[in-house]
Amino acid sequence: MIWKSVKQGRNRSTIRQSITAPLMFACLLCMTALAEAQNLSSPNTPVAITPPAGNVLYLVGSAVGTQGYVCLPTSTGASWTVNNSRPEATLFVKMFGQDVQIITHFLSPDANPNENAPNPLPFGSPTWQSSFDSSVVWAKSLNSIPAGSDSSCSHVGAIPCLLLQSIGSQLGPAGGRLMTATTYIQRLNTAGGVAPAAGCSVPSDVSKQKLVPYSADYYFFRGRD
């Protein structure tokens, strides 16, 4: 019985290895193809939302998602406020003429904070997780510019464009590290996502919630090698 158990354990280990190796190889191929498919150049942006010198662009994704709002009381009635627990988006790139999902964007606790992380940590931070290897980066907003104020943020009436800084990162379950090199993130070319124009003005509206569609381009930077 003991020998049978050991043999079964070895078989399971062999199966895991036979599955993990091809998956890791496939992820490597995907990341290589992604890097080759993107002809990257840093966008021209105002100083306020430009990463410091020494950081280079390594990944770009076009996002489609929603921004959440909650109706909260004010001294004059009520107004829509950004619900920081509800940013949700999926990032895509064009590969061989097809949209390919590369990253999911959401809010989660920073499980591995770095020296730039606030203390104490917020209950959750903006998160970007690779769809290839499940590596993660968390970030905080540093600066913003209003939509419509620059060619990199040209859609009047959209959510602001941002510069964010990494406050933590984590390897994927199999050791993937696509996102862990990230130092700064830009949110540019925003469209939509602003608070509703109506539906939150009187006390009876308080606690209503809305999910507003938005799109944007996210630019990921890392330290120069």
Foldseek 3Di string as FASTA:
>chain_A
DVVVVVVVVVVVVVVVVVVVVVLVVVLVVVLVLQQVVDPDDDDDDDPQQDDDPQKDFRDKWKKKWWWKWFWAADPQFIDIDTDQQDTWIWTWDAGPNDTDTFKIWGWQFAPFFDPPADVPHDRIFIKIATPRQRKIWGKDWDGWDAACPDPQRNAHPFHIKTKIATGHIGAGPSRHDPPVQFGIKIWTNKDKHDDDPDQHGHNVSGGDMDIIMMMTMMITIGGDD
